[in-house]
Amino acid sequence: MKEKINAKQAPVEIGAYSNAIKCGNIIFVSGQMPVNPDNGVVPLTIQEQTKQVIDNVRNILSDAGATLDNVVKTTVYLQEMYLFSQMNDVYAAEFSEPYPARTSVAVKEMAKGALVSLDVIAVLD
């Protein structure tokens, strides 16, 4: 049975999707934008945006009873691949080894002019 995770400290959904769905012991977190849930601000730099995206994911996982350590798979969407190394520096500091499996792709354009977005799959122990 699937259950919607009501994220208290994450950007409000603006479309026909849920921030996260829990199905059994698996949590699927939708692509998170670098929007500060308190004030709607999108930071300017790729480093700040990556940190905000990971904070949003962290907060959603917390509401589902999980942490970043439960993440087994991520997909990173970048506006341009030249941003990869700067994103990766922040990502590596936020996630711990063994790092989740990851796919990174460049996309043409994202909402709000975002430079990065991240979705994750987490498994509860």
PDB file of N, CA and C in Angstrom:
ATOM      1  N   MET A   1       0.851  -1.178   0.000  1.00  0.00           N
ATOM      2  CA  MET A   1       0.000   0.000   0.000  1.00  0.00           C
ATOM      3  C   MET A   1       0.893   1.236   0.000  1.00  0.00           C
ATOM      4  N   LYS A   2       0.569   2.196  -0.823  1.00  0.00           N
ATOM      5  CA  LYS A   2       1.374   3.413  -0.864  1.00  0.00           C
ATOM      6  C   LYS A   2       0.787   4.483   0.046  1.00  0.00           C
ATOM      7  N   GLU A   3       1.698   5.258   0.628  1.00  0.00           N
ATOM      8  CA  GLU A   3       1.332   6.296   1.584  1.00  0.00           C
ATOM      9  C   GLU A   3       2.056   7.581   1.219  1.00  0.00           C
ATOM     10  N   LYS A   4       1.315   8.680   1.157  1.00  0.00           N
ATOM     11  CA  LYS A   4       1.932   9.974   0.886  1.00  0.00           C
ATOM     12  C   LYS A   4       2.658  10.461   2.135  1.00  0.00           C
ATOM     13  N   ILE A   5       3.868  10.963   1.930  1.00  0.00           N
ATOM     14  CA  ILE A   5       4.624  11.571   3.022  1.00  0.00           C
ATOM     15  C   ILE A   5       4.320  13.059   3.010  1.00  0.00           C
ATOM     16  N   ASN A   6       3.754  13.544   4.101  1.00  0.00           N
ATOM     17  CA  ASN A   6       3.439  14.963   4.218  1.00  0.00           C
ATOM     18  C   ASN A   6       4.657  15.691   4.767  1.00  0.00           C
ATOM     19  N   ALA A   7       5.418  16.270   3.873  1.00  0.00           N
ATOM     20  CA  ALA A   7       6.659  16.939   4.239  1.00  0.00           C
ATOM     21  C   ALA A   7       6.358  18.312   4.821  1.00  0.00           C
ATOM     22  N   LYS A   8       6.786  18.517   6.067  1.00  0.00           N
ATOM     23  CA  LYS A   8       6.528  19.790   6.746  1.00  0.00           C
ATOM     24  C   LYS A   8       7.535  20.871   6.373  1.00  0.00           C
ATOM     25  N   GLN A   9       8.772  20.483   6.099  1.00  0.00           N
ATOM     26  CA  GLN A   9       9.834  21.436   5.811  1.00  0.00           C
ATOM     27  C   GLN A   9      10.394  21.218   4.411  1.00  0.00           C
ATOM     28  N   ALA A  10       9.520  21.257   3.437  1.00  0.00           N
ATOM     29  CA  ALA A  10       9.930  21.118   2.038  1.00  0.00           C
ATOM     30  C   ALA A  10       9.023  22.007   1.205  1.00  0.00           C
ATOM     31  N   PRO A  11       9.471  22.373   0.019  1.00  0.00           N
ATOM     32  CA  PRO A  11       8.610  23.188  -0.839  1.00  0.00           C
ATOM     33  C   PRO A  11       7.279  22.480  -1.102  1.00  0.00           C
ATOM     34  N   VAL A  12       6.227  23.249  -1.136  1.00  0.00           N
ATOM     35  CA  VAL A  12       4.894  22.713  -1.392  1.00  0.00           C
ATOM     36  C   VAL A  12       4.816  22.225  -2.834  1.00  0.00           C
ATOM     37  N   GLU A  13       4.147  21.084  -3.026  1.00  0.00           N
ATOM     38  CA  GLU A  13       3.962  20.563  -4.380  1.00  0.00           C
ATOM     39  C   GLU A  13       3.165  21.574  -5.208  1.00  0.00           C
ATOM     40  N   ILE A  14       3.575  21.760  -6.464  1.00  0.00           N
ATOM     41  CA  ILE A  14       2.877  22.721  -7.329  1.00  0.00           C
ATOM     42  C   ILE A  14       2.279  22.040  -8.554  1.00  0.00           C
ATOM     43  N   GLY A  15       2.083  20.759  -8.462  1.00  0.00           N
ATOM     44  CA  GLY A  15       1.533  20.011  -9.582  1.00  0.00           C
ATOM     45  C   GLY A  15       0.889  18.734  -9.095  1.00  0.00           C
ATOM     46  N   ALA A  16       0.606  17.854 -10.010  1.00  0.00           N
ATOM     47  CA  ALA A  16      -0.052  16.581  -9.703  1.00  0.00           C
ATOM     48  C   ALA A  16       0.995  15.537  -9.322  1.00  0.00           C
ATOM     49  N   TYR A  17       1.624  15.736  -8.184  1.00  0.00           N
ATOM     50  CA  TYR A  17       2.616  14.793  -7.674  1.00  0.00           C
ATOM     51  C   TYR A  17       2.695  14.940  -6.161  1.00  0.00           C
ATOM     52  N   SER A  18       3.355  13.996  -5.516  1.00  0.00           N
ATOM     53  CA  SER A  18       3.621  14.053  -4.082  1.00  0.00           C
ATOM     54  C   SER A  18       5.113  14.259  -3.890  1.00  0.00           C
ATOM     55  N   ASN A  19       5.495  14.981  -2.841  1.00  0.00           N
ATOM     56  CA  ASN A  19       6.918  15.130  -2.547  1.00  0.00           C
ATOM     57  C   ASN A  19       7.565  13.778  -2.322  1.00  0.00           C
ATOM     58  N   ALA A  20       6.815  12.860  -1.696  1.00  0.00           N
ATOM     59  CA  ALA A  20       7.347  11.517  -1.471  1.00  0.00           C
ATOM     60  C   ALA A  20       6.214  10.531  -1.270  1.00  0.00           C
ATOM     61  N   ILE A  21       6.489   9.294  -1.651  1.00  0.00           N
ATOM     62  CA  ILE A  21       5.571   8.178  -1.449  1.00  0.00           C
ATOM     63  C   ILE A  21       6.351   7.068  -0.754  1.00  0.00           C
ATOM     64  N   LYS A  22       5.748   6.528   0.286  1.00  0.00           N
ATOM     65  CA  LYS A  22       6.316   5.368   0.973  1.00  0.00           C
ATOM     66  C   LYS A  22       5.496   4.149   0.576  1.00  0.00           C
ATOM     67  N   CYS A  23       6.192   3.121   0.146  1.00  0.00           N
ATOM     68  CA  CYS A  23       5.539   1.879  -0.254  1.00  0.00           C
ATOM     69  C   CYS A  23       6.294   0.751   0.443  1.00  0.00           C
ATOM     70  N   GLY A  24       5.688   0.180   1.459  1.00  0.00           N
ATOM     71  CA  GLY A  24       6.407  -0.800   2.277  1.00  0.00           C
ATOM     72  C   GLY A  24       7.553  -0.100   2.974  1.00  0.00           C
ATOM     73  N   ASN A  25       8.773  -0.616   2.772  1.00  0.00           N
ATOM     74  CA  ASN A  25       9.933   0.010   3.405  1.00  0.00           C
ATOM     75  C   ASN A  25      10.743   0.863   2.425  1.00  0.00           C
ATOM     76  N   ILE A  26      10.149   1.185   1.274  1.00  0.00           N
ATOM     77  CA  ILE A  26      10.832   1.998   0.264  1.00  0.00           C
ATOM     78  C   ILE A  26      10.197   3.378   0.200  1.00  0.00           C
ATOM     79  N   ILE A  27      11.046   4.393   0.142  1.00  0.00           N
ATOM     80  CA  ILE A  27      10.588   5.783   0.042  1.00  0.00           C
ATOM     81  C   ILE A  27      11.075   6.350  -1.283  1.00  0.00           C
ATOM     82  N   PHE A  28      10.165   6.868  -2.063  1.00  0.00           N
ATOM     83  CA  PHE A  28      10.470   7.494  -3.343  1.00  0.00           C
ATOM     84  C   PHE A  28      10.264   8.994  -3.182  1.00  0.00           C
ATOM     85  N   VAL A  29      11.341   9.759  -3.276  1.00  0.00           N
ATOM     86  CA  VAL A  29      11.264  11.220  -3.133  1.00  0.00           C
ATOM     87  C   VAL A  29      11.319  11.840  -4.522  1.00  0.00           C
ATOM     88  N   SER A  30      10.313  12.628  -4.840  1.00  0.00           N
ATOM     89  CA  SER A  30      10.253  13.324  -6.127  1.00  0.00           C
ATOM     90  C   SER A  30      11.413  14.295  -6.264  1.00  0.00           C
ATOM     91  N   GLY A  31      11.711  14.670  -7.500  1.00  0.00           N
ATOM     92  CA  GLY A  31      12.763  15.646  -7.770  1.00  0.00           C
ATOM     93  C   GLY A  31      12.526  16.917  -6.978  1.00  0.00           C
ATOM     94  N   GLN A  32      13.502  17.286  -6.191  1.00  0.00           N
ATOM     95  CA  GLN A  32      13.401  18.479  -5.355  1.00  0.00           C
ATOM     96  C   GLN A  32      14.161  19.630  -5.984  1.00  0.00           C
ATOM     97  N   MET A  33      13.526  20.772  -5.958  1.00  0.00           N
ATOM     98  CA  MET A  33      14.108  21.990  -6.488  1.00  0.00           C
ATOM     99  C   MET A  33      14.837  22.723  -5.362  1.00  0.00           C
ATOM    100  N   PRO A  34      15.747  23.628  -5.691  1.00  0.00           N
ATOM    101  CA  PRO A  34      16.497  24.353  -4.664  1.00  0.00           C
ATOM    102  C   PRO A  34      15.721  25.553  -4.124  1.00  0.00           C
ATOM    103  N   VAL A  35      14.504  25.291  -3.673  1.00  0.00           N
ATOM    104  CA  VAL A  35      13.640  26.344  -3.147  1.00  0.00           C
ATOM    105  C   VAL A  35      13.628  26.249  -1.634  1.00  0.00           C
ATOM    106  N   ASN A  36      13.948  27.356  -0.970  1.00  0.00           N
ATOM    107  CA  ASN A  36      13.865  27.413   0.480  1.00  0.00           C
ATOM    108  C   ASN A  36      12.387  27.368   0.859  1.00  0.00           C
ATOM    109  N   PRO A  37      11.944  26.362   1.632  1.00  0.00           N
ATOM    110  CA  PRO A  37      10.517  26.251   1.944  1.00  0.00           C
ATOM    111  C   PRO A  37       9.993  27.367   2.838  1.00  0.00           C
ATOM    112  N   ASP A  38      10.885  28.068   3.530  1.00  0.00           N
ATOM    113  CA  ASP A  38      10.454  29.142   4.426  1.00  0.00           C
ATOM    114  C   ASP A  38      10.146  30.444   3.698  1.00  0.00           C
ATOM    115  N   ASN A  39      10.922  30.730   2.629  1.00  0.00           N
ATOM    116  CA  ASN A  39      10.738  32.030   1.979  1.00  0.00           C
ATOM    117  C   ASN A  39      10.628  31.953   0.453  1.00  0.00           C
ATOM    118  N   GLY A  40      10.718  30.765  -0.121  1.00  0.00           N
ATOM    119  CA  GLY A  40      10.569  30.604  -1.565  1.00  0.00           C
ATOM    120  C   GLY A  40      11.774  31.036  -2.384  1.00  0.00           C
ATOM    121  N   VAL A  41      12.869  31.399  -1.714  1.00  0.00           N
ATOM    122  CA  VAL A  41      14.053  31.894  -2.410  1.00  0.00           C
ATOM    123  C   VAL A  41      14.848  30.735  -3.014  1.00  0.00           C
ATOM    124  N   VAL A  42      15.322  30.931  -4.239  1.00  0.00           N
ATOM    125  CA  VAL A  42      16.239  30.004  -4.888  1.00  0.00           C
ATOM    126  C   VAL A  42      17.630  30.617  -4.794  1.00  0.00           C
ATOM    127  N   PRO A  43      18.567  29.945  -4.107  1.00  0.00           N
ATOM    128  CA  PRO A  43      19.929  30.484  -4.005  1.00  0.00           C
ATOM    129  C   PRO A  43      20.561  30.656  -5.385  1.00  0.00           C
ATOM    130  N   LEU A  44      21.626  31.435  -5.463  1.00  0.00           N
ATOM    131  CA  LEU A  44      22.242  31.768  -6.744  1.00  0.00           C
ATOM    132  C   LEU A  44      23.253  30.750  -7.243  1.00  0.00           C
ATOM    133  N   THR A  45      24.141  30.267  -6.366  1.00  0.00           N
ATOM    134  CA  THR A  45      25.247  29.435  -6.838  1.00  0.00           C
ATOM    135  C   THR A  45      24.857  27.958  -6.876  1.00  0.00           C
ATOM    136  N   ILE A  46      25.588  27.178  -7.665  1.00  0.00           N
ATOM    137  CA  ILE A  46      25.339  25.741  -7.744  1.00  0.00           C
ATOM    138  C   ILE A  46      25.592  25.084  -6.396  1.00  0.00           C
ATOM    139  N   GLN A  47      26.573  25.570  -5.648  1.00  0.00           N
ATOM    140  CA  GLN A  47      26.849  24.997  -4.330  1.00  0.00           C
ATOM    141  C   GLN A  47      25.677  25.238  -3.377  1.00  0.00           C
ATOM    142  N   GLU A  48      25.184  26.478  -3.343  1.00  0.00           N
ATOM    143  CA  GLU A  48      24.048  26.800  -2.471  1.00  0.00           C
ATOM    144  C   GLU A  48      22.797  26.047  -2.905  1.00  0.00           C
ATOM    145  N   GLN A  49      22.581  25.939  -4.204  1.00  0.00           N
ATOM    146  CA  GLN A  49      21.408  25.225  -4.689  1.00  0.00           C
ATOM    147  C   GLN A  49      21.493  23.737  -4.358  1.00  0.00           C
ATOM    148  N   THR A  50      22.665  23.155  -4.519  1.00  0.00           N
ATOM    149  CA  THR A  50      22.832  21.736  -4.198  1.00  0.00           C
ATOM    150  C   THR A  50      22.563  21.498  -2.718  1.00  0.00           C
ATOM    151  N   LYS A  51      23.090  22.366  -1.860  1.00  0.00           N
ATOM    152  CA  LYS A  51      22.853  22.241  -0.417  1.00  0.00           C
ATOM    153  C   LYS A  51      21.370  22.354  -0.103  1.00  0.00           C
ATOM    154  N   GLN A  52      20.663  23.288  -0.737  1.00  0.00           N
ATOM    155  CA  GLN A  52      19.234  23.469  -0.470  1.00  0.00           C
ATOM    156  C   GLN A  52      18.440  22.251  -0.929  1.00  0.00           C
ATOM    157  N   VAL A  53      18.774  21.714  -2.093  1.00  0.00           N
ATOM    158  CA  VAL A  53      18.092  20.526  -2.610  1.00  0.00           C
ATOM    159  C   VAL A  53      18.278  19.357  -1.643  1.00  0.00           C
ATOM    160  N   ILE A  54      19.507  19.153  -1.176  1.00  0.00           N
ATOM    161  CA  ILE A  54      19.773  18.050  -0.252  1.00  0.00           C
ATOM    162  C   ILE A  54      19.073  18.288   1.080  1.00  0.00           C
ATOM    163  N   ASP A  55      19.030  19.521   1.544  1.00  0.00           N
ATOM    164  CA  ASP A  55      18.287  19.828   2.777  1.00  0.00           C
ATOM    165  C   ASP A  55      16.808  19.497   2.608  1.00  0.00           C
ATOM    166  N   ASN A  56      16.235  19.836   1.450  1.00  0.00           N
ATOM    167  CA  ASN A  56      14.823  19.512   1.201  1.00  0.00           C
ATOM    168  C   ASN A  56      14.608  18.007   1.229  1.00  0.00           C
ATOM    169  N   VAL A  57      15.491  17.260   0.574  1.00  0.00           N
ATOM    170  CA  VAL A  57      15.399  15.799   0.581  1.00  0.00           C
ATOM    171  C   VAL A  57      15.533  15.274   2.009  1.00  0.00           C
ATOM    172  N   ARG A  58      16.509  15.787   2.746  1.00  0.00           N
ATOM    173  CA  ARG A  58      16.731  15.362   4.133  1.00  0.00           C
ATOM    174  C   ARG A  58      15.465  15.565   4.971  1.00  0.00           C
ATOM    175  N   ASN A  59      14.830  16.719   4.817  1.00  0.00           N
ATOM    176  CA  ASN A  59      13.627  17.020   5.592  1.00  0.00           C
ATOM    177  C   ASN A  59      12.469  16.094   5.235  1.00  0.00           C
ATOM    178  N   ILE A  60      12.316  15.794   3.961  1.00  0.00           N
ATOM    179  CA  ILE A  60      11.263  14.880   3.531  1.00  0.00           C
ATOM    180  C   ILE A  60      11.531  13.481   4.090  1.00  0.00           C
ATOM    181  N   LEU A  61      12.768  13.022   3.983  1.00  0.00           N
ATOM    182  CA  LEU A  61      13.112  11.708   4.519  1.00  0.00           C
ATOM    183  C   LEU A  61      12.865  11.650   6.015  1.00  0.00           C
ATOM    184  N   SER A  62      13.187  12.712   6.724  1.00  0.00           N
ATOM    185  CA  SER A  62      12.965  12.752   8.162  1.00  0.00           C
ATOM    186  C   SER A  62      11.494  12.542   8.492  1.00  0.00           C
ATOM    187  N   ASP A  63      10.622  13.178   7.728  1.00  0.00           N
ATOM    188  CA  ASP A  63       9.181  13.018   7.947  1.00  0.00           C
ATOM    189  C   ASP A  63       8.707  11.600   7.644  1.00  0.00           C
ATOM    190  N   ALA A  64       9.516  10.848   6.901  1.00  0.00           N
ATOM    191  CA  ALA A  64       9.190   9.453   6.589  1.00  0.00           C
ATOM    192  C   ALA A  64       9.914   8.483   7.511  1.00  0.00           C
ATOM    193  N   GLY A  65      10.683   9.009   8.482  1.00  0.00           N
ATOM    194  CA  GLY A  65      11.412   8.155   9.412  1.00  0.00           C
ATOM    195  C   GLY A  65      12.742   7.664   8.879  1.00  0.00           C
ATOM    196  N   ALA A  66      13.321   8.406   7.943  1.00  0.00           N
ATOM    197  CA  ALA A  66      14.583   7.996   7.323  1.00  0.00           C
ATOM    198  C   ALA A  66      15.591   9.140   7.372  1.00  0.00           C
ATOM    199  N   THR A  67      16.828   8.834   6.953  1.00  0.00           N
ATOM    200  CA  THR A  67      17.890   9.825   6.851  1.00  0.00           C
ATOM    201  C   THR A  67      18.573   9.655   5.495  1.00  0.00           C
ATOM    202  N   LEU A  68      19.532  10.510   5.230  1.00  0.00           N
ATOM    203  CA  LEU A  68      20.307  10.361   3.993  1.00  0.00           C
ATOM    204  C   LEU A  68      21.043   9.027   3.947  1.00  0.00           C
ATOM    205  N   ASP A  69      21.346   8.446   5.096  1.00  0.00           N
ATOM    206  CA  ASP A  69      22.015   7.145   5.123  1.00  0.00           C
ATOM    207  C   ASP A  69      21.138   6.029   4.564  1.00  0.00           C
ATOM    208  N   ASN A  70      19.831   6.231   4.510  1.00  0.00           N
ATOM    209  CA  ASN A  70      18.914   5.237   3.955  1.00  0.00           C
ATOM    210  C   ASN A  70      18.817   5.311   2.437  1.00  0.00           C
ATOM    211  N   VAL A  71      19.403   6.341   1.833  1.00  0.00           N
ATOM    212  CA  VAL A  71      19.304   6.541   0.384  1.00  0.00           C
ATOM    213  C   VAL A  71      20.177   5.518  -0.338  1.00  0.00           C
ATOM    214  N   VAL A  72      19.557   4.814  -1.306  1.00  0.00           N
ATOM    215  CA  VAL A  72      20.290   3.813  -2.086  1.00  0.00           C
ATOM    216  C   VAL A  72      20.499   4.232  -3.536  1.00  0.00           C
ATOM    217  N   LYS A  73      19.705   5.198  -4.021  1.00  0.00           N
ATOM    218  CA  LYS A  73      19.801   5.621  -5.426  1.00  0.00           C
ATOM    219  C   LYS A  73      19.416   7.080  -5.528  1.00  0.00           C
ATOM    220  N   THR A  74      20.193   7.839  -6.302  1.00  0.00           N
ATOM    221  CA  THR A  74      19.863   9.237  -6.576  1.00  0.00           C
ATOM    222  C   THR A  74      19.927   9.484  -8.075  1.00  0.00           C
ATOM    223  N   THR A  75      19.178  10.473  -8.493  1.00  0.00           N
ATOM    224  CA  THR A  75      19.306  10.995  -9.852  1.00  0.00           C
ATOM    225  C   THR A  75      19.496  12.495  -9.726  1.00  0.00           C
ATOM    226  N   VAL A  76      20.589  12.980 -10.289  1.00  0.00           N
ATOM    227  CA  VAL A  76      20.917  14.403 -10.260  1.00  0.00           C
ATOM    228  C   VAL A  76      20.657  14.973 -11.641  1.00  0.00           C
ATOM    229  N   TYR A  77      19.910  16.058 -11.675  1.00  0.00           N
ATOM    230  CA  TYR A  77      19.622  16.775 -12.925  1.00  0.00           C
ATOM    231  C   TYR A  77      20.352  18.113 -12.852  1.00  0.00           C
ATOM    232  N   LEU A  78      21.202  18.367 -13.822  1.00  0.00           N
ATOM    233  CA  LEU A  78      21.973  19.607 -13.874  1.00  0.00           C
ATOM    234  C   LEU A  78      21.594  20.405 -15.115  1.00  0.00           C
ATOM    235  N   GLN A  79      21.588  21.721 -14.979  1.00  0.00           N
ATOM    236  CA  GLN A  79      21.306  22.561 -16.137  1.00  0.00           C
ATOM    237  C   GLN A  79      22.411  22.418 -17.182  1.00  0.00           C
ATOM    238  N   GLU A  80      23.637  22.255 -16.723  1.00  0.00           N
ATOM    239  CA  GLU A  80      24.800  22.094 -17.607  1.00  0.00           C
ATOM    240  C   GLU A  80      25.787  21.146 -16.933  1.00  0.00           C
ATOM    241  N   MET A  81      26.435  20.271 -17.700  1.00  0.00           N
ATOM    242  CA  MET A  81      27.363  19.314 -17.112  1.00  0.00           C
ATOM    243  C   MET A  81      28.620  19.970 -16.537  1.00  0.00           C
ATOM    244  N   TYR A  82      28.959  21.179 -16.955  1.00  0.00           N
ATOM    245  CA  TYR A  82      30.138  21.822 -16.381  1.00  0.00           C
ATOM    246  C   TYR A  82      29.943  22.106 -14.887  1.00  0.00           C
ATOM    247  N   LEU A  83      28.706  22.034 -14.395  1.00  0.00           N
ATOM    248  CA  LEU A  83      28.409  22.256 -12.985  1.00  0.00           C
ATOM    249  C   LEU A  83      28.654  21.009 -12.131  1.00  0.00           C
ATOM    250  N   PHE A  84      28.961  19.891 -12.781  1.00  0.00           N
ATOM    251  CA  PHE A  84      29.043  18.609 -12.076  1.00  0.00           C
ATOM    252  C   PHE A  84      30.036  18.631 -10.917  1.00  0.00           C
ATOM    253  N   SER A  85      31.256  19.078 -11.136  1.00  0.00           N
ATOM    254  CA  SER A  85      32.269  18.974 -10.074  1.00  0.00           C
ATOM    255  C   SER A  85      31.902  19.822  -8.859  1.00  0.00           C
ATOM    256  N   GLN A  86      31.334  21.006  -9.079  1.00  0.00           N
ATOM    257  CA  GLN A  86      30.936  21.852  -7.956  1.00  0.00           C
ATOM    258  C   GLN A  86      29.776  21.224  -7.194  1.00  0.00           C
ATOM    259  N   MET A  87      28.797  20.649  -7.940  1.00  0.00           N
ATOM    260  CA  MET A  87      27.700  19.935  -7.293  1.00  0.00           C
ATOM    261  C   MET A  87      28.250  18.752  -6.519  1.00  0.00           C
ATOM    262  N   ASN A  88      29.164  18.006  -7.133  1.00  0.00           N
ATOM    263  CA  ASN A  88      29.686  16.788  -6.528  1.00  0.00           C
ATOM    264  C   ASN A  88      30.432  17.059  -5.219  1.00  0.00           C
ATOM    265  N   ASP A  89      31.113  18.203  -5.119  1.00  0.00           N
ATOM    266  CA  ASP A  89      31.805  18.552  -3.875  1.00  0.00           C
ATOM    267  C   ASP A  89      30.820  18.660  -2.713  1.00  0.00           C
ATOM    268  N   VAL A  90      29.687  19.322  -2.950  1.00  0.00           N
ATOM    269  CA  VAL A  90      28.668  19.472  -1.910  1.00  0.00           C
ATOM    270  C   VAL A  90      28.006  18.118  -1.639  1.00  0.00           C
ATOM    271  N   TYR A  91      27.660  17.404  -2.692  1.00  0.00           N
ATOM    272  CA  TYR A  91      27.020  16.090  -2.586  1.00  0.00           C
ATOM    273  C   TYR A  91      27.884  15.155  -1.738  1.00  0.00           C
ATOM    274  N   ALA A  92      29.177  15.095  -2.024  1.00  0.00           N
ATOM    275  CA  ALA A  92      30.083  14.202  -1.304  1.00  0.00           C
ATOM    276  C   ALA A  92      30.185  14.573   0.174  1.00  0.00           C
ATOM    277  N   ALA A  93      30.036  15.847   0.501  1.00  0.00           N
ATOM    278  CA  ALA A  93      30.092  16.283   1.891  1.00  0.00           C
ATOM    279  C   ALA A  93      28.801  15.965   2.652  1.00  0.00           C
ATOM    280  N   GLU A  94      27.691  15.857   1.935  1.00  0.00           N
ATOM    281  CA  GLU A  94      26.393  15.626   2.568  1.00  0.00           C
ATOM    282  C   GLU A  94      26.053  14.140   2.699  1.00  0.00           C
ATOM    283  N   PHE A  95      26.414  13.342   1.706  1.00  0.00           N
ATOM    284  CA  PHE A  95      26.169  11.899   1.751  1.00  0.00           C
ATOM    285  C   PHE A  95      27.426  11.229   2.295  1.00  0.00           C
ATOM    286  N   SER A  96      27.250  10.038   2.862  1.00  0.00           N
ATOM    287  CA  SER A  96      28.406   9.325   3.399  1.00  0.00           C
ATOM    288  C   SER A  96      28.601   8.001   2.662  1.00  0.00           C
ATOM    289  N   GLU A  97      29.799   7.465   2.796  1.00  0.00           N
ATOM    290  CA  GLU A  97      30.120   6.203   2.136  1.00  0.00           C
ATOM    291  C   GLU A  97      29.463   5.048   2.870  1.00  0.00           C
ATOM    292  N   PRO A  98      29.032   4.009   2.199  1.00  0.00           N
ATOM    293  CA  PRO A  98      29.077   3.911   0.745  1.00  0.00           C
ATOM    294  C   PRO A  98      28.027   4.837   0.128  1.00  0.00           C
ATOM    295  N   TYR A  99      28.485   5.637  -0.833  1.00  0.00           N
ATOM    296  CA  TYR A  99      27.581   6.581  -1.486  1.00  0.00           C
ATOM    297  C   TYR A  99      26.471   5.821  -2.220  1.00  0.00           C
ATOM    298  N   PRO A 100      25.295   6.460  -2.336  1.00  0.00           N
ATOM    299  CA  PRO A 100      24.227   5.825  -3.100  1.00  0.00           C
ATOM    300  C   PRO A 100      24.633   5.656  -4.572  1.00  0.00           C
ATOM    301  N   ALA A 101      24.017   4.687  -5.233  1.00  0.00           N
ATOM    302  CA  ALA A 101      24.149   4.611  -6.685  1.00  0.00           C
ATOM    303  C   ALA A 101      23.608   5.925  -7.237  1.00  0.00           C
ATOM    304  N   ARG A 102      24.172   6.403  -8.350  1.00  0.00           N
ATOM    305  CA  ARG A 102      23.767   7.723  -8.838  1.00  0.00           C
ATOM    306  C   ARG A 102      23.791   7.781 -10.351  1.00  0.00           C
ATOM    307  N   THR A 103      22.821   8.501 -10.879  1.00  0.00           N
ATOM    308  CA  THR A 103      22.797   8.876 -12.282  1.00  0.00           C
ATOM    309  C   THR A 103      22.806  10.393 -12.317  1.00  0.00           C
ATOM    310  N   SER A 104      23.625  10.973 -13.193  1.00  0.00           N
ATOM    311  CA  SER A 104      23.670  12.430 -13.351  1.00  0.00           C
ATOM    312  C   SER A 104      23.463  12.756 -14.813  1.00  0.00           C
ATOM    313  N   VAL A 105      22.532  13.660 -15.078  1.00  0.00           N
ATOM    314  CA  VAL A 105      22.234  14.037 -16.451  1.00  0.00           C
ATOM    315  C   VAL A 105      22.087  15.549 -16.555  1.00  0.00           C
ATOM    316  N   ALA A 106      22.360  16.062 -17.736  1.00  0.00           N
ATOM    317  CA  ALA A 106      22.112  17.477 -18.018  1.00  0.00           C
ATOM    318  C   ALA A 106      20.769  17.581 -18.723  1.00  0.00           C
ATOM    319  N   VAL A 107      20.014  18.584 -18.354  1.00  0.00           N
ATOM    320  CA  VAL A 107      18.705  18.840 -18.962  1.00  0.00           C
ATOM    321  C   VAL A 107      18.703  20.247 -19.537  1.00  0.00           C
ATOM    322  N   LYS A 108      17.817  20.483 -20.446  1.00  0.00           N
ATOM    323  CA  LYS A 108      17.814  21.779 -21.125  1.00  0.00           C
ATOM    324  C   LYS A 108      17.409  22.921 -20.204  1.00  0.00           C
ATOM    325  N   GLU A 109      16.371  22.691 -19.399  1.00  0.00           N
ATOM    326  CA  GLU A 109      15.840  23.784 -18.591  1.00  0.00           C
ATOM    327  C   GLU A 109      15.055  23.210 -17.419  1.00  0.00           C
ATOM    328  N   MET A 110      15.098  23.910 -16.276  1.00  0.00           N
ATOM    329  CA  MET A 110      14.321  23.509 -15.108  1.00  0.00           C
ATOM    330  C   MET A 110      13.495  24.690 -14.614  1.00  0.00           C
ATOM    331  N   ALA A 111      12.450  24.378 -13.885  1.00  0.00           N
ATOM    332  CA  ALA A 111      11.577  25.405 -13.322  1.00  0.00           C
ATOM    333  C   ALA A 111      12.375  26.367 -12.455  1.00  0.00           C
ATOM    334  N   LYS A 112      11.934  27.589 -12.399  1.00  0.00           N
ATOM    335  CA  LYS A 112      12.525  28.652 -11.574  1.00  0.00           C
ATOM    336  C   LYS A 112      13.984  28.928 -11.905  1.00  0.00           C
ATOM    337  N   GLY A 113      14.441  28.494 -13.077  1.00  0.00           N
ATOM    338  CA  GLY A 113      15.818  28.724 -13.470  1.00  0.00           C
ATOM    339  C   GLY A 113      16.826  27.939 -12.650  1.00  0.00           C
ATOM    340  N   ALA A 114      16.370  26.870 -12.022  1.00  0.00           N
ATOM    341  CA  ALA A 114      17.238  26.075 -11.155  1.00  0.00           C
ATOM    342  C   ALA A 114      18.410  25.493 -11.930  1.00  0.00           C
ATOM    343  N   LEU A 115      19.521  25.344 -11.231  1.00  0.00           N
ATOM    344  CA  LEU A 115      20.722  24.743 -11.807  1.00  0.00           C
ATOM    345  C   LEU A 115      20.800  23.252 -11.512  1.00  0.00           C
ATOM    346  N   VAL A 116      20.058  22.795 -10.475  1.00  0.00           N
ATOM    347  CA  VAL A 116      20.142  21.400 -10.037  1.00  0.00           C
ATOM    348  C   VAL A 116      18.817  20.953  -9.436  1.00  0.00           C
ATOM    349  N   SER A 117      18.539  19.674  -9.588  1.00  0.00           N
ATOM    350  CA  SER A 117      17.404  19.018  -8.953  1.00  0.00           C
ATOM    351  C   SER A 117      17.862  17.614  -8.588  1.00  0.00           C
ATOM    352  N   LEU A 118      17.200  17.002  -7.610  1.00  0.00           N
ATOM    353  CA  LEU A 118      17.614  15.698  -7.124  1.00  0.00           C
ATOM    354  C   LEU A 118      16.404  14.886  -6.711  1.00  0.00           C
ATOM    355  N   ASP A 119      16.318  13.642  -7.197  1.00  0.00           N
ATOM    356  CA  ASP A 119      15.330  12.712  -6.646  1.00  0.00           C
ATOM    357  C   ASP A 119      16.061  11.527  -6.061  1.00  0.00           C
ATOM    358  N   VAL A 120      15.432  10.863  -5.090  1.00  0.00           N
ATOM    359  CA  VAL A 120      16.101   9.759  -4.403  1.00  0.00           C
ATOM    360  C   VAL A 120      15.141   8.617  -4.133  1.00  0.00           C
ATOM    361  N   ILE A 121      15.737   7.447  -3.950  1.00  0.00           N
ATOM    362  CA  ILE A 121      15.035   6.270  -3.445  1.00  0.00           C
ATOM    363  C   ILE A 121      15.767   5.853  -2.174  1.00  0.00           C
ATOM    364  N   ALA A 122      14.994   5.677  -1.108  1.00  0.00           N
ATOM    365  CA  ALA A 122      15.563   5.275   0.176  1.00  0.00           C
ATOM    366  C   ALA A 122      14.875   4.001   0.650  1.00  0.00           C
ATOM    367  N   VAL A 123      15.607   3.207   1.411  1.00  0.00           N
ATOM    368  CA  VAL A 123      15.068   1.972   1.958  1.00  0.00           C
ATOM    369  C   VAL A 123      15.230   2.008   3.471  1.00  0.00           C
ATOM    370  N   LEU A 124      14.111   1.795   4.172  1.00  0.00           N
ATOM    371  CA  LEU A 124      14.157   1.723   5.635  1.00  0.00           C
ATOM    372  C   LEU A 124      14.659   0.353   6.061  1.00  0.00           C
ATOM    373  N   ASP A 125      15.426   0.306   7.132  1.00  0.00           N
ATOM    374  CA  ASP A 125      15.958  -0.972   7.632  1.00  0.00           C
ATOM    375  C   ASP A 125      14.844  -1.802   8.246  1.00  0.00           C
TER     376      ASP A 125
END
